Amino acid sequence: MITCAFENNNKAYLRHVTVNAIVTKNKKVLLGERGTLDGKPILESGKWALLGGFFGRDENLIQAVKREVLEESGWEIDELQLLRINDNPDRPKEDRQNVDIIFFAKAVKQIKSADEEVKKLQWFDLDKIPPRDQIAFDHGDDLELFMKYIKEKFPIPVLG
């Protein structure tokens, strides 16, 4: 939670905003195995996750998701589409109550290496993604929604 101080000196604990991307190329999706930060395991370390992270103070949504994907994978992305806004306050394995904004995008070009937050990158066929117990947080729900969208083309973004 973020501690915010208001003009009247009242304080409140507010939710974080995060962005994530389902990065695709040649009918495959790029997932990152969660690693470390400053040499210490991060939350859900060792599990596969979408690429993303916290929204920066002076960024818009597109800048944030492009930056996070580049930091965590080294890939530039394009053709972003908003898939879902997940505002569930009871997200699993998540004590900060992040509001997550999930995009899908095309991988364009890998221009650098991933940072330490991602131990390993791997491209998965959409029908061969890891089982739910090997996927961090509720990112399995987002992948399932994306696969359903590819088949059914329902209106997006999905809220909730």
C-alpha atoms as a PDB file:
ATOM      1  CA  MET A   1       0.000   0.000   0.000  1.00  0.00           C
ATOM      2  CA  ILE A   2       1.075   3.565  -0.629  1.00  0.00           C
ATOM      3  CA  THR A   3       0.911   6.024   2.262  1.00  0.00           C
ATOM      4  CA  CYS A   4      -0.504   9.323   1.018  1.00  0.00           C
ATOM      5  CA  ALA A   5      -0.568  12.587   2.960  1.00  0.00           C
ATOM      6  CA  PHE A   6      -3.315  15.032   2.047  1.00  0.00           C
ATOM      7  CA  GLU A   7      -3.531  18.819   2.347  1.00  0.00           C
ATOM      8  CA  ASN A   8      -5.329  18.564   5.701  1.00  0.00           C
ATOM      9  CA  ASN A   9      -2.551  16.269   7.039  1.00  0.00           C
ATOM     10  CA  ASN A  10      -4.810  13.224   6.938  1.00  0.00           C
ATOM     11  CA  LYS A  11      -3.152  10.037   5.732  1.00  0.00           C
ATOM     12  CA  ALA A  12      -4.568   7.158   3.755  1.00  0.00           C
ATOM     13  CA  TYR A  13      -3.243   3.854   2.487  1.00  0.00           C
ATOM     14  CA  LEU A  14      -3.927   3.630  -1.226  1.00  0.00           C
ATOM     15  CA  ARG A  15      -3.420   0.981  -3.871  1.00  0.00           C
ATOM     16  CA  HIS A  16      -0.510   0.638  -6.291  1.00  0.00           C
ATOM     17  CA  VAL A  17      -1.003   0.774 -10.057  1.00  0.00           C
ATOM     18  CA  THR A  18       0.854  -1.806 -12.131  1.00  0.00           C
ATOM     19  CA  VAL A  19       1.064  -2.619 -15.821  1.00  0.00           C
ATOM     20  CA  ASN A  20       1.644  -5.995 -17.460  1.00  0.00           C
ATOM     21  CA  ALA A  21       1.918  -7.199 -21.025  1.00  0.00           C
ATOM     22  CA  ILE A  22       1.181 -10.441 -22.788  1.00  0.00           C
ATOM     23  CA  VAL A  23       3.984 -10.228 -25.345  1.00  0.00           C
ATOM     24  CA  THR A  24       3.395 -12.278 -28.491  1.00  0.00           C
ATOM     25  CA  LYS A  25       5.359 -13.315 -31.551  1.00  0.00           C
ATOM     26  CA  ASN A  26       4.612 -16.068 -34.085  1.00  0.00           C
ATOM     27  CA  LYS A  27       1.662 -17.390 -32.039  1.00  0.00           C
ATOM     28  CA  LYS A  28       3.809 -17.698 -28.926  1.00  0.00           C
ATOM     29  CA  VAL A  29       3.787 -15.761 -25.675  1.00  0.00           C
ATOM     30  CA  LEU A  30       6.876 -14.550 -23.802  1.00  0.00           C
ATOM     31  CA  LEU A  31       6.930 -15.222 -20.064  1.00  0.00           C
ATOM     32  CA  GLY A  32       9.602 -14.399 -17.530  1.00  0.00           C
ATOM     33  CA  GLU A  33      10.646 -16.581 -14.624  1.00  0.00           C
ATOM     34  CA  ARG A  34      10.665 -14.269 -11.612  1.00  0.00           C
ATOM     35  CA  GLY A  35      14.113 -13.794 -10.120  1.00  0.00           C
ATOM     36  CA  THR A  36      15.723 -11.415  -7.651  1.00  0.00           C
ATOM     37  CA  LEU A  37      16.048  -7.751  -6.776  1.00  0.00           C
ATOM     38  CA  ASP A  38      19.302  -6.594  -5.206  1.00  0.00           C
ATOM     39  CA  GLY A  39      20.237 -10.266  -4.902  1.00  0.00           C
ATOM     40  CA  LYS A  40      17.145 -11.215  -2.863  1.00  0.00           C
ATOM     41  CA  PRO A  41      14.266 -13.351  -4.204  1.00  0.00           C
ATOM     42  CA  ILE A  42      11.237 -11.302  -5.221  1.00  0.00           C
ATOM     43  CA  LEU A  43       7.623 -12.244  -4.488  1.00  0.00           C
ATOM     44  CA  GLU A  44       6.681 -15.443  -6.372  1.00  0.00           C
ATOM     45  CA  SER A  45      10.339 -15.988  -7.338  1.00  0.00           C
ATOM     46  CA  GLY A  46      10.799 -19.011  -9.597  1.00  0.00           C
ATOM     47  CA  LYS A  47       7.316 -18.789 -11.109  1.00  0.00           C
ATOM     48  CA  TRP A  48       6.446 -17.701 -14.641  1.00  0.00           C
ATOM     49  CA  ALA A  49       4.888 -14.267 -15.013  1.00  0.00           C
ATOM     50  CA  LEU A  50       3.760 -11.664 -17.472  1.00  0.00           C
ATOM     51  CA  LEU A  51       6.271  -8.884 -18.055  1.00  0.00           C
ATOM     52  CA  GLY A  52       5.486  -5.704 -16.184  1.00  0.00           C
ATOM     53  CA  GLY A  53       5.675  -3.784 -12.967  1.00  0.00           C
ATOM     54  CA  PHE A  54       4.900  -0.536 -11.228  1.00  0.00           C
ATOM     55  CA  PHE A  55       3.633   2.541 -13.010  1.00  0.00           C
ATOM     56  CA  GLY A  56       6.133   5.407 -12.809  1.00  0.00           C
ATOM     57  CA  ARG A  57       5.250   8.866 -11.527  1.00  0.00           C
ATOM     58  CA  ASP A  58       5.793  10.756 -14.785  1.00  0.00           C
ATOM     59  CA  GLU A  59       4.628   8.068 -17.220  1.00  0.00           C
ATOM     60  CA  ASN A  60       1.495   7.396 -19.183  1.00  0.00           C
ATOM     61  CA  LEU A  61       0.215   3.828 -19.545  1.00  0.00           C
ATOM     62  CA  ILE A  62       1.928   3.085 -22.848  1.00  0.00           C
ATOM     63  CA  GLN A  63       5.266   4.470 -21.662  1.00  0.00           C
ATOM     64  CA  ALA A  64       5.034   2.421 -18.460  1.00  0.00           C
ATOM     65  CA  VAL A  65       4.285  -0.915 -20.095  1.00  0.00           C
ATOM     66  CA  LYS A  66       6.891  -0.405 -22.836  1.00  0.00           C
ATOM     67  CA  ARG A  67       9.524   0.505 -20.214  1.00  0.00           C
ATOM     68  CA  GLU A  68       8.686  -2.458 -17.982  1.00  0.00           C
ATOM     69  CA  VAL A  69       8.762  -4.958 -20.853  1.00  0.00           C
ATOM     70  CA  LEU A  70      12.079  -3.535 -22.066  1.00  0.00           C
ATOM     71  CA  GLU A  71      13.589  -3.662 -18.548  1.00  0.00           C
ATOM     72  CA  GLU A  72      12.398  -7.187 -17.827  1.00  0.00           C
ATOM     73  CA  SER A  73      13.003  -8.763 -21.234  1.00  0.00           C
ATOM     74  CA  GLY A  74      15.071  -6.478 -23.436  1.00  0.00           C
ATOM     75  CA  TRP A  75      12.260  -6.535 -26.029  1.00  0.00           C
ATOM     76  CA  GLU A  76      10.678  -3.525 -27.674  1.00  0.00           C
ATOM     77  CA  ILE A  77       6.925  -3.930 -28.221  1.00  0.00           C
ATOM     78  CA  ASP A  78       4.295  -2.395 -30.469  1.00  0.00           C
ATOM     79  CA  GLU A  79       0.622  -2.759 -31.456  1.00  0.00           C
ATOM     80  CA  LEU A  80      -0.512  -2.584 -27.837  1.00  0.00           C
ATOM     81  CA  GLN A  81      -4.137  -3.289 -27.017  1.00  0.00           C
ATOM     82  CA  LEU A  82      -5.746  -2.983 -23.609  1.00  0.00           C
ATOM     83  CA  LEU A  83      -7.081  -6.385 -22.551  1.00  0.00           C
ATOM     84  CA  ARG A  84      -8.125  -5.977 -18.930  1.00  0.00           C
ATOM     85  CA  ILE A  85      -8.128  -3.758 -15.867  1.00  0.00           C
ATOM     86  CA  ASN A  86      -7.921  -5.985 -12.801  1.00  0.00           C
ATOM     87  CA  ASP A  87      -9.104  -4.008  -9.785  1.00  0.00           C
ATOM     88  CA  ASN A  88      -9.918  -6.988  -7.565  1.00  0.00           C
ATOM     89  CA  PRO A  89      -8.840  -6.045  -4.000  1.00  0.00           C
ATOM     90  CA  ASP A  90      -8.489  -9.747  -3.118  1.00  0.00           C
ATOM     91  CA  ARG A  91      -5.970 -10.784  -5.753  1.00  0.00           C
ATOM     92  CA  PRO A  92      -4.141 -13.983  -4.765  1.00  0.00           C
ATOM     93  CA  LYS A  93      -0.631 -13.784  -3.294  1.00  0.00           C
ATOM     94  CA  GLU A  94      -0.828 -10.001  -3.364  1.00  0.00           C
ATOM     95  CA  ASP A  95      -0.888  -7.946  -0.156  1.00  0.00           C
ATOM     96  CA  ARG A  96      -0.522  -4.538  -1.812  1.00  0.00           C
ATOM     97  CA  GLN A  97      -3.875  -4.656  -3.615  1.00  0.00           C
ATOM     98  CA  ASN A  98      -2.364  -3.666  -6.949  1.00  0.00           C
ATOM     99  CA  VAL A  99      -4.689  -2.378  -9.649  1.00  0.00           C
ATOM    100  CA  ASP A 100      -3.235  -4.095 -12.705  1.00  0.00           C
ATOM    101  CA  ILE A 101      -3.637  -2.817 -16.256  1.00  0.00           C
ATOM    102  CA  ILE A 102      -3.000  -5.660 -18.695  1.00  0.00           C
ATOM    103  CA  PHE A 103      -2.132  -5.198 -22.371  1.00  0.00           C
ATOM    104  CA  PHE A 104      -1.249  -7.547 -25.158  1.00  0.00           C
ATOM    105  CA  ALA A 105       1.404  -6.521 -27.647  1.00  0.00           C
ATOM    106  CA  LYS A 106       3.639  -7.715 -30.453  1.00  0.00           C
ATOM    107  CA  ALA A 107       7.341  -8.262 -29.826  1.00  0.00           C
ATOM    108  CA  VAL A 108       9.322  -6.133 -32.275  1.00  0.00           C
ATOM    109  CA  LYS A 109      13.013  -6.490 -31.507  1.00  0.00           C
ATOM    110  CA  GLN A 110      15.219  -7.592 -28.619  1.00  0.00           C
ATOM    111  CA  ILE A 111      17.769  -4.845 -28.043  1.00  0.00           C
ATOM    112  CA  LYS A 112      19.270  -5.748 -24.660  1.00  0.00           C
ATOM    113  CA  SER A 113      19.347  -8.336 -21.870  1.00  0.00           C
ATOM    114  CA  ALA A 114      16.727  -8.736 -19.164  1.00  0.00           C
ATOM    115  CA  ASP A 115      17.296  -7.296 -15.692  1.00  0.00           C
ATOM    116  CA  GLU A 116      17.755  -9.450 -12.586  1.00  0.00           C
ATOM    117  CA  GLU A 117      14.037  -9.452 -11.768  1.00  0.00           C
ATOM    118  CA  VAL A 118      13.678 -12.015 -14.559  1.00  0.00           C
ATOM    119  CA  LYS A 119      15.757 -15.147 -14.068  1.00  0.00           C
ATOM    120  CA  LYS A 120      14.898 -16.605 -17.472  1.00  0.00           C
ATOM    121  CA  LEU A 121      12.761 -15.722 -20.511  1.00  0.00           C
ATOM    122  CA  GLN A 122      10.923 -18.332 -22.522  1.00  0.00           C
ATOM    123  CA  TRP A 123       8.552 -18.339 -25.493  1.00  0.00           C
ATOM    124  CA  PHE A 124       5.584 -20.668 -24.995  1.00  0.00           C
ATOM    125  CA  ASP A 125       3.066 -21.942 -27.519  1.00  0.00           C
ATOM    126  CA  LEU A 126      -0.335 -20.700 -26.394  1.00  0.00           C
ATOM    127  CA  ASP A 127      -1.536 -24.268 -25.892  1.00  0.00           C
ATOM    128  CA  LYS A 128       1.565 -25.189 -23.864  1.00  0.00           C
ATOM    129  CA  ILE A 129       1.853 -22.504 -21.205  1.00  0.00           C
ATOM    130  CA  PRO A 130       2.938 -23.716 -17.755  1.00  0.00           C
ATOM    131  CA  PRO A 131       0.305 -25.048 -15.340  1.00  0.00           C
ATOM    132  CA  ARG A 132      -1.389 -22.565 -13.006  1.00  0.00           C
ATOM    133  CA  ASP A 133       0.661 -23.578  -9.967  1.00  0.00           C
ATOM    134  CA  GLN A 134       3.804 -22.507 -11.856  1.00  0.00           C
ATOM    135  CA  ILE A 135       2.408 -19.091 -12.836  1.00  0.00           C
ATOM    136  CA  ALA A 136       2.813 -16.104 -10.507  1.00  0.00           C
ATOM    137  CA  PHE A 137      -0.058 -14.173  -8.975  1.00  0.00           C
ATOM    138  CA  ASP A 138      -3.224 -14.339 -11.106  1.00  0.00           C
ATOM    139  CA  HIS A 139      -1.397 -14.013 -14.419  1.00  0.00           C
ATOM    140  CA  GLY A 140      -2.846 -17.381 -15.443  1.00  0.00           C
ATOM    141  CA  ASP A 141      -6.271 -15.704 -15.503  1.00  0.00           C
ATOM    142  CA  ASP A 142      -4.932 -13.037 -17.863  1.00  0.00           C
ATOM    143  CA  LEU A 143      -3.398 -15.628 -20.185  1.00  0.00           C
ATOM    144  CA  GLU A 144      -6.655 -17.596 -20.197  1.00  0.00           C
ATOM    145  CA  LEU A 145      -8.626 -14.434 -21.000  1.00  0.00           C
ATOM    146  CA  PHE A 146      -6.221 -13.609 -23.837  1.00  0.00           C
ATOM    147  CA  MET A 147      -6.550 -17.089 -25.355  1.00  0.00           C
ATOM    148  CA  LYS A 148     -10.335 -16.818 -25.117  1.00  0.00           C
ATOM    149  CA  TYR A 149     -10.205 -13.379 -26.771  1.00  0.00           C
ATOM    150  CA  ILE A 150      -8.164 -14.746 -29.689  1.00  0.00           C
ATOM    151  CA  LYS A 151     -10.897 -17.326 -30.354  1.00  0.00           C
ATOM    152  CA  GLU A 152     -14.032 -15.279 -29.630  1.00  0.00           C
ATOM    153  CA  LYS A 153     -13.098 -11.597 -30.205  1.00  0.00           C
ATOM    154  CA  PHE A 154     -15.387 -10.211 -27.472  1.00  0.00           C
ATOM    155  CA  PRO A 155     -15.342  -6.499 -26.534  1.00  0.00           C
ATOM    156  CA  ILE A 156     -12.276  -5.380 -24.617  1.00  0.00           C
ATOM    157  CA  PRO A 157     -11.090  -4.137 -22.210  1.00  0.00           C
ATOM    158  CA  VAL A 158     -12.576  -6.384 -19.567  1.00  0.00           C
ATOM    159  CA  LEU A 159     -13.076  -4.672 -16.209  1.00  0.00           C
ATOM    160  CA  GLY A 160     -12.547  -6.556 -12.966  1.00  0.00           C
END
